[in-house]
Amino acid sequence: MKKLFFAVFLSFSAAAVFAQATVTEQFQKITTMEQAQKFIDANAPLKPVIFNVVAGKDTTMIAKRLLRQTKGNVFNVGYTTYKVLESNESVKYRASYIFLDGGSLTPAEIDSMKKIITKKVDAGQSFDALSDQYTMDGNTTHGDTGWFFGEEMMPKEFQDAVSKHKTGEVFYVDVPDKQWHYIVKKTYDDDLKKEMTILRANGR
């Protein structure tokens, strides 16, 4: 009788263990910071914690792996489980430009100016000096855009083109609906900022 009782007890215990959700399964159901905090409060033995990682600042191997994830991802490293609760990313660009006004010049004149200026750039003349000489928007920064992002600072066509080129490259950008034309030199690598909020706990 005792053996039978013990066997039944073990079967119920095993069922309870298997019925309990794993850490991974619980993490998959967490979608808010509030839910994450409730998990922390209810699972102290698992040593759960919320922490941040920042691209460029955190350089450990696990931080680099975390920064490759996207919001909502759950994954395991050994017997530790991680979930990306929040992920914020922004990119800034910087370039120098020469602006040519299609409202004042004909298309043929624009093309001619592009060729003349590009030839001078290829010959080694300073882009800053050429901007001072040729730009038609009166800028006083030698054509330097400063760090920019978003269409409120530069036209979308300009930003898209800069994002696709490498530092040091010279290229053209046209904004046909405004008759704006640019000769652009990308002067800096993209300034990528990425920060994540991570939930971590022991167990899988």
C-alpha atoms as a PDB file:
ATOM      1  CA  MET A   1       0.000   0.000   0.000  1.00  0.00           C
ATOM      2  CA  LYS A   2       2.817   2.354   0.912  1.00  0.00           C
ATOM      3  CA  LYS A   3       4.582   1.523  -2.353  1.00  0.00           C
ATOM      4  CA  LEU A   4       1.405   2.250  -4.297  1.00  0.00           C
ATOM      5  CA  PHE A   5       0.923   5.556  -2.485  1.00  0.00           C
ATOM      6  CA  PHE A   6       4.540   6.517  -3.135  1.00  0.00           C
ATOM      7  CA  ALA A   7       4.220   5.678  -6.830  1.00  0.00           C
ATOM      8  CA  VAL A   8       1.057   7.794  -7.119  1.00  0.00           C
ATOM      9  CA  PHE A   9       2.782  10.647  -5.294  1.00  0.00           C
ATOM     10  CA  LEU A  10       5.727  10.514  -7.698  1.00  0.00           C
ATOM     11  CA  SER A  11       3.445  10.494 -10.721  1.00  0.00           C
ATOM     12  CA  PHE A  12       1.594  13.586  -9.464  1.00  0.00           C
ATOM     13  CA  SER A  13       4.898  15.321  -8.680  1.00  0.00           C
ATOM     14  CA  ALA A  14       6.248  14.582 -12.120  1.00  0.00           C
ATOM     15  CA  ALA A  15       3.043  15.840 -13.711  1.00  0.00           C
ATOM     16  CA  ALA A  16       3.314  19.070 -11.741  1.00  0.00           C
ATOM     17  CA  VAL A  17       6.891  19.573 -12.897  1.00  0.00           C
ATOM     18  CA  PHE A  18       6.071  18.935 -16.529  1.00  0.00           C
ATOM     19  CA  ALA A  19       2.967  21.148 -16.312  1.00  0.00           C
ATOM     20  CA  GLN A  20       4.999  24.096 -15.049  1.00  0.00           C
ATOM     21  CA  ALA A  21       5.929  26.495 -17.862  1.00  0.00           C
ATOM     22  CA  THR A  22       9.625  26.780 -18.674  1.00  0.00           C
ATOM     23  CA  VAL A  23      11.400  30.121 -18.389  1.00  0.00           C
ATOM     24  CA  THR A  24      11.452  30.368 -22.173  1.00  0.00           C
ATOM     25  CA  GLU A  25       7.693  29.774 -22.376  1.00  0.00           C
ATOM     26  CA  GLN A  26       7.033  32.369 -19.685  1.00  0.00           C
ATOM     27  CA  PHE A  27       9.303  34.900 -21.398  1.00  0.00           C
ATOM     28  CA  GLN A  28       7.463  34.417 -24.683  1.00  0.00           C
ATOM     29  CA  LYS A  29       4.250  35.608 -22.981  1.00  0.00           C
ATOM     30  CA  ILE A  30       5.839  38.755 -21.536  1.00  0.00           C
ATOM     31  CA  THR A  31       5.235  41.810 -23.711  1.00  0.00           C
ATOM     32  CA  THR A  32       5.390  44.773 -21.309  1.00  0.00           C
ATOM     33  CA  MET A  33       7.724  46.123 -18.643  1.00  0.00           C
ATOM     34  CA  GLU A  34       4.962  45.631 -16.083  1.00  0.00           C
ATOM     35  CA  GLN A  35       4.702  41.933 -16.917  1.00  0.00           C
ATOM     36  CA  ALA A  36       8.477  41.625 -16.727  1.00  0.00           C
ATOM     37  CA  GLN A  37       8.501  43.184 -13.264  1.00  0.00           C
ATOM     38  CA  LYS A  38       5.767  40.799 -12.095  1.00  0.00           C
ATOM     39  CA  PHE A  39       7.884  37.879 -13.303  1.00  0.00           C
ATOM     40  CA  ILE A  40      10.854  39.242 -11.339  1.00  0.00           C
ATOM     41  CA  ASP A  41       8.779  39.648  -8.182  1.00  0.00           C
ATOM     42  CA  ALA A  42       7.383  36.115  -8.443  1.00  0.00           C
ATOM     43  CA  ASN A  43      10.587  34.264  -9.376  1.00  0.00           C
ATOM     44  CA  ALA A  44      13.359  35.437  -7.053  1.00  0.00           C
ATOM     45  CA  PRO A  45      15.144  32.020  -7.042  1.00  0.00           C
ATOM     46  CA  LEU A  46      15.794  32.442 -10.804  1.00  0.00           C
ATOM     47  CA  LYS A  47      17.652  35.727 -10.114  1.00  0.00           C
ATOM     48  CA  PRO A  48      15.764  37.646 -12.832  1.00  0.00           C
ATOM     49  CA  VAL A  49      16.859  41.169 -13.702  1.00  0.00           C
ATOM     50  CA  ILE A  50      16.161  43.917 -16.241  1.00  0.00           C
ATOM     51  CA  PHE A  51      19.201  45.665 -17.733  1.00  0.00           C
ATOM     52  CA  ASN A  52      20.225  47.826 -20.698  1.00  0.00           C
ATOM     53  CA  VAL A  53      22.865  47.340 -23.386  1.00  0.00           C
ATOM     54  CA  VAL A  54      24.137  50.153 -25.623  1.00  0.00           C
ATOM     55  CA  ALA A  55      25.951  49.721 -28.941  1.00  0.00           C
ATOM     56  CA  GLY A  56      29.528  50.986 -28.745  1.00  0.00           C
ATOM     57  CA  LYS A  57      29.455  51.188 -24.961  1.00  0.00           C
ATOM     58  CA  ASP A  58      28.871  47.545 -24.035  1.00  0.00           C
ATOM     59  CA  THR A  59      31.475  45.384 -25.768  1.00  0.00           C
ATOM     60  CA  THR A  60      31.195  41.981 -24.096  1.00  0.00           C
ATOM     61  CA  MET A  61      30.412  38.975 -26.291  1.00  0.00           C
ATOM     62  CA  ILE A  62      26.924  38.589 -24.817  1.00  0.00           C
ATOM     63  CA  ALA A  63      26.209  42.307 -25.321  1.00  0.00           C
ATOM     64  CA  LYS A  64      27.232  42.027 -28.988  1.00  0.00           C
ATOM     65  CA  ARG A  65      24.943  39.024 -29.395  1.00  0.00           C
ATOM     66  CA  LEU A  66      22.061  40.835 -27.702  1.00  0.00           C
ATOM     67  CA  LEU A  67      22.497  43.863 -29.962  1.00  0.00           C
ATOM     68  CA  ARG A  68      21.967  41.637 -33.015  1.00  0.00           C
ATOM     69  CA  GLN A  69      18.510  40.671 -31.771  1.00  0.00           C
ATOM     70  CA  THR A  70      15.202  42.454 -32.373  1.00  0.00           C
ATOM     71  CA  LYS A  71      12.402  43.420 -30.026  1.00  0.00           C
ATOM     72  CA  GLY A  72      10.506  40.377 -28.730  1.00  0.00           C
ATOM     73  CA  ASN A  73      13.286  37.859 -29.348  1.00  0.00           C
ATOM     74  CA  VAL A  74      13.771  35.164 -26.694  1.00  0.00           C
ATOM     75  CA  PHE A  75      16.912  33.031 -26.689  1.00  0.00           C
ATOM     76  CA  ASN A  76      19.108  30.939 -24.429  1.00  0.00           C
ATOM     77  CA  VAL A  77      22.807  31.084 -23.688  1.00  0.00           C
ATOM     78  CA  GLY A  78      23.748  28.045 -21.629  1.00  0.00           C
ATOM     79  CA  TYR A  79      21.221  27.888 -18.789  1.00  0.00           C
ATOM     80  CA  THR A  80      20.321  31.567 -18.960  1.00  0.00           C
ATOM     81  CA  THR A  81      17.329  32.952 -20.858  1.00  0.00           C
ATOM     82  CA  TYR A  82      17.084  36.448 -22.342  1.00  0.00           C
ATOM     83  CA  LYS A  83      14.233  38.476 -23.813  1.00  0.00           C
ATOM     84  CA  VAL A  84      14.479  41.786 -25.675  1.00  0.00           C
ATOM     85  CA  LEU A  85      11.794  43.963 -24.103  1.00  0.00           C
ATOM     86  CA  GLU A  86      12.630  47.192 -25.932  1.00  0.00           C
ATOM     87  CA  SER A  87      14.913  48.103 -28.820  1.00  0.00           C
ATOM     88  CA  ASN A  88      15.598  51.672 -29.928  1.00  0.00           C
ATOM     89  CA  GLU A  89      17.788  52.479 -32.893  1.00  0.00           C
ATOM     90  CA  SER A  90      18.730  55.714 -34.620  1.00  0.00           C
ATOM     91  CA  VAL A  91      21.224  56.574 -37.351  1.00  0.00           C
ATOM     92  CA  LYS A  92      22.737  59.977 -38.097  1.00  0.00           C
ATOM     93  CA  TYR A  93      24.622  60.910 -41.249  1.00  0.00           C
ATOM     94  CA  ARG A  94      27.106  63.602 -42.213  1.00  0.00           C
ATOM     95  CA  ALA A  95      28.217  64.875 -45.589  1.00  0.00           C
ATOM     96  CA  SER A  96      29.283  67.961 -47.514  1.00  0.00           C
ATOM     97  CA  TYR A  97      27.411  69.226 -50.531  1.00  0.00           C
ATOM     98  CA  ILE A  98      27.267  71.712 -53.384  1.00  0.00           C
ATOM     99  CA  PHE A  99      23.738  72.868 -54.168  1.00  0.00           C
ATOM    100  CA  LEU A 100      22.676  73.685 -57.720  1.00  0.00           C
ATOM    101  CA  ASP A 101      19.333  75.415 -58.213  1.00  0.00           C
ATOM    102  CA  GLY A 102      17.284  74.023 -61.091  1.00  0.00           C
ATOM    103  CA  GLY A 103      15.021  77.060 -60.858  1.00  0.00           C
ATOM    104  CA  SER A 104      17.872  79.293 -61.993  1.00  0.00           C
ATOM    105  CA  LEU A 105      19.785  76.944 -64.302  1.00  0.00           C
ATOM    106  CA  THR A 106      18.603  74.884 -67.251  1.00  0.00           C
ATOM    107  CA  PRO A 107      18.970  71.080 -67.163  1.00  0.00           C
ATOM    108  CA  ALA A 108      21.866  71.382 -69.611  1.00  0.00           C
ATOM    109  CA  GLU A 109      23.588  73.928 -67.368  1.00  0.00           C
ATOM    110  CA  ILE A 110      23.057  71.694 -64.324  1.00  0.00           C
ATOM    111  CA  ASP A 111      24.661  68.731 -66.134  1.00  0.00           C
ATOM    112  CA  SER A 112      27.557  70.910 -67.286  1.00  0.00           C
ATOM    113  CA  MET A 113      28.166  72.238 -63.756  1.00  0.00           C
ATOM    114  CA  LYS A 114      28.106  68.720 -62.335  1.00  0.00           C
ATOM    115  CA  LYS A 115      30.772  67.604 -64.793  1.00  0.00           C
ATOM    116  CA  ILE A 116      32.985  70.641 -64.207  1.00  0.00           C
ATOM    117  CA  ILE A 117      32.839  70.352 -60.425  1.00  0.00           C
ATOM    118  CA  THR A 118      33.287  66.570 -60.383  1.00  0.00           C
ATOM    119  CA  LYS A 119      36.337  66.910 -62.631  1.00  0.00           C
ATOM    120  CA  LYS A 120      37.856  69.381 -60.156  1.00  0.00           C
ATOM    121  CA  VAL A 121      37.107  67.035 -57.240  1.00  0.00           C
ATOM    122  CA  ASP A 122      38.782  64.161 -59.094  1.00  0.00           C
ATOM    123  CA  ALA A 123      41.788  66.424 -59.700  1.00  0.00           C
ATOM    124  CA  GLY A 124      42.187  66.794 -55.942  1.00  0.00           C
ATOM    125  CA  GLN A 125      40.684  70.219 -55.302  1.00  0.00           C
ATOM    126  CA  SER A 126      39.181  70.786 -51.858  1.00  0.00           C
ATOM    127  CA  PHE A 127      35.481  69.940 -51.731  1.00  0.00           C
ATOM    128  CA  ASP A 128      34.999  72.595 -49.039  1.00  0.00           C
ATOM    129  CA  ALA A 129      36.535  75.267 -51.288  1.00  0.00           C
ATOM    130  CA  LEU A 130      34.480  74.109 -54.274  1.00  0.00           C
ATOM    131  CA  SER A 131      31.326  74.322 -52.168  1.00  0.00           C
ATOM    132  CA  ASP A 132      32.193  77.887 -51.188  1.00  0.00           C
ATOM    133  CA  GLN A 133      32.724  78.700 -54.859  1.00  0.00           C
ATOM    134  CA  TYR A 134      29.772  76.991 -56.503  1.00  0.00           C
ATOM    135  CA  THR A 135      26.935  76.285 -54.049  1.00  0.00           C
ATOM    136  CA  MET A 136      23.796  78.303 -54.736  1.00  0.00           C
ATOM    137  CA  ASP A 137      22.122  78.206 -51.325  1.00  0.00           C
ATOM    138  CA  GLY A 138      24.425  80.662 -49.541  1.00  0.00           C
ATOM    139  CA  ASN A 139      25.484  78.233 -46.790  1.00  0.00           C
ATOM    140  CA  THR A 140      28.396  79.366 -44.619  1.00  0.00           C
ATOM    141  CA  THR A 141      29.558  75.919 -43.461  1.00  0.00           C
ATOM    142  CA  HIS A 142      31.632  74.960 -46.559  1.00  0.00           C
ATOM    143  CA  GLY A 143      28.717  72.676 -47.429  1.00  0.00           C
ATOM    144  CA  ASP A 144      28.992  70.642 -44.214  1.00  0.00           C
ATOM    145  CA  THR A 145      25.571  69.298 -43.213  1.00  0.00           C
ATOM    146  CA  GLY A 146      26.559  68.535 -39.629  1.00  0.00           C
ATOM    147  CA  TRP A 147      25.051  65.372 -38.152  1.00  0.00           C
ATOM    148  CA  PHE A 148      21.528  64.977 -39.498  1.00  0.00           C
ATOM    149  CA  PHE A 149      18.610  62.592 -39.557  1.00  0.00           C
ATOM    150  CA  GLY A 150      15.022  62.890 -40.737  1.00  0.00           C
ATOM    151  CA  GLU A 151      13.424  64.847 -43.544  1.00  0.00           C
ATOM    152  CA  GLU A 152      13.058  67.985 -41.419  1.00  0.00           C
ATOM    153  CA  MET A 153      16.834  68.468 -41.788  1.00  0.00           C
ATOM    154  CA  MET A 154      17.596  67.227 -45.311  1.00  0.00           C
ATOM    155  CA  PRO A 155      15.412  65.943 -48.185  1.00  0.00           C
ATOM    156  CA  LYS A 156      14.597  62.223 -48.068  1.00  0.00           C
ATOM    157  CA  GLU A 157      16.370  61.684 -51.397  1.00  0.00           C
ATOM    158  CA  PHE A 158      19.512  63.232 -49.907  1.00  0.00           C
ATOM    159  CA  GLN A 159      19.406  61.109 -46.757  1.00  0.00           C
ATOM    160  CA  ASP A 160      18.665  57.889 -48.676  1.00  0.00           C
ATOM    161  CA  ALA A 161      21.594  58.500 -51.025  1.00  0.00           C
ATOM    162  CA  VAL A 162      24.045  59.261 -48.211  1.00  0.00           C
ATOM    163  CA  SER A 163      22.993  56.093 -46.360  1.00  0.00           C
ATOM    164  CA  LYS A 164      23.834  53.974 -49.423  1.00  0.00           C
ATOM    165  CA  HIS A 165      27.321  55.353 -50.049  1.00  0.00           C
ATOM    166  CA  LYS A 166      30.661  54.856 -48.348  1.00  0.00           C
ATOM    167  CA  THR A 167      32.662  57.535 -46.597  1.00  0.00           C
ATOM    168  CA  GLY A 168      34.725  59.526 -49.110  1.00  0.00           C
ATOM    169  CA  GLU A 169      32.495  58.814 -52.103  1.00  0.00           C
ATOM    170  CA  VAL A 170      31.222  61.702 -54.255  1.00  0.00           C
ATOM    171  CA  PHE A 171      27.820  61.354 -55.936  1.00  0.00           C
ATOM    172  CA  TYR A 172      24.784  63.223 -57.246  1.00  0.00           C
ATOM    173  CA  VAL A 173      21.397  63.654 -55.596  1.00  0.00           C
ATOM    174  CA  ASP A 174      18.416  65.103 -57.451  1.00  0.00           C
ATOM    175  CA  VAL A 175      15.093  66.221 -55.959  1.00  0.00           C
ATOM    176  CA  PRO A 176      13.057  66.633 -59.183  1.00  0.00           C
ATOM    177  CA  ASP A 177       9.832  68.016 -57.696  1.00  0.00           C
ATOM    178  CA  LYS A 178      11.769  70.927 -56.141  1.00  0.00           C
ATOM    179  CA  GLN A 179      14.353  71.276 -58.909  1.00  0.00           C
ATOM    180  CA  TRP A 180      17.122  70.825 -56.349  1.00  0.00           C
ATOM    181  CA  HIS A 181      20.384  69.225 -57.369  1.00  0.00           C
ATOM    182  CA  TYR A 182      23.317  68.273 -55.153  1.00  0.00           C
ATOM    183  CA  ILE A 183      26.874  67.132 -55.585  1.00  0.00           C
ATOM    184  CA  VAL A 184      27.571  65.289 -52.340  1.00  0.00           C
ATOM    185  CA  LYS A 185      30.621  63.918 -50.562  1.00  0.00           C
ATOM    186  CA  LYS A 186      30.020  61.566 -47.648  1.00  0.00           C
ATOM    187  CA  THR A 187      32.447  62.739 -44.971  1.00  0.00           C
ATOM    188  CA  TYR A 188      31.807  60.450 -41.979  1.00  0.00           C
ATOM    189  CA  ASP A 189      30.755  56.886 -41.261  1.00  0.00           C
ATOM    190  CA  ASP A 190      27.150  56.539 -40.105  1.00  0.00           C
ATOM    191  CA  ASP A 191      26.619  57.255 -36.405  1.00  0.00           C
ATOM    192  CA  LEU A 192      24.502  54.295 -35.294  1.00  0.00           C
ATOM    193  CA  LYS A 193      22.997  54.375 -31.829  1.00  0.00           C
ATOM    194  CA  LYS A 194      21.200  51.288 -30.548  1.00  0.00           C
ATOM    195  CA  GLU A 195      19.968  50.630 -27.029  1.00  0.00           C
ATOM    196  CA  MET A 196      18.083  47.610 -25.722  1.00  0.00           C
ATOM    197  CA  THR A 197      16.240  46.729 -22.531  1.00  0.00           C
ATOM    198  CA  ILE A 198      16.693  43.052 -21.665  1.00  0.00           C
ATOM    199  CA  LEU A 199      15.022  40.663 -19.232  1.00  0.00           C
ATOM    200  CA  ARG A 200      17.319  37.907 -17.998  1.00  0.00           C
ATOM    201  CA  ALA A 201      16.773  34.901 -15.717  1.00  0.00           C
ATOM    202  CA  ASN A 202      18.457  31.634 -14.840  1.00  0.00           C
ATOM    203  CA  GLY A 203      16.857  28.570 -16.397  1.00  0.00           C
ATOM    204  CA  ARG A 204      15.611  27.617 -19.839  1.00  0.00           C
END
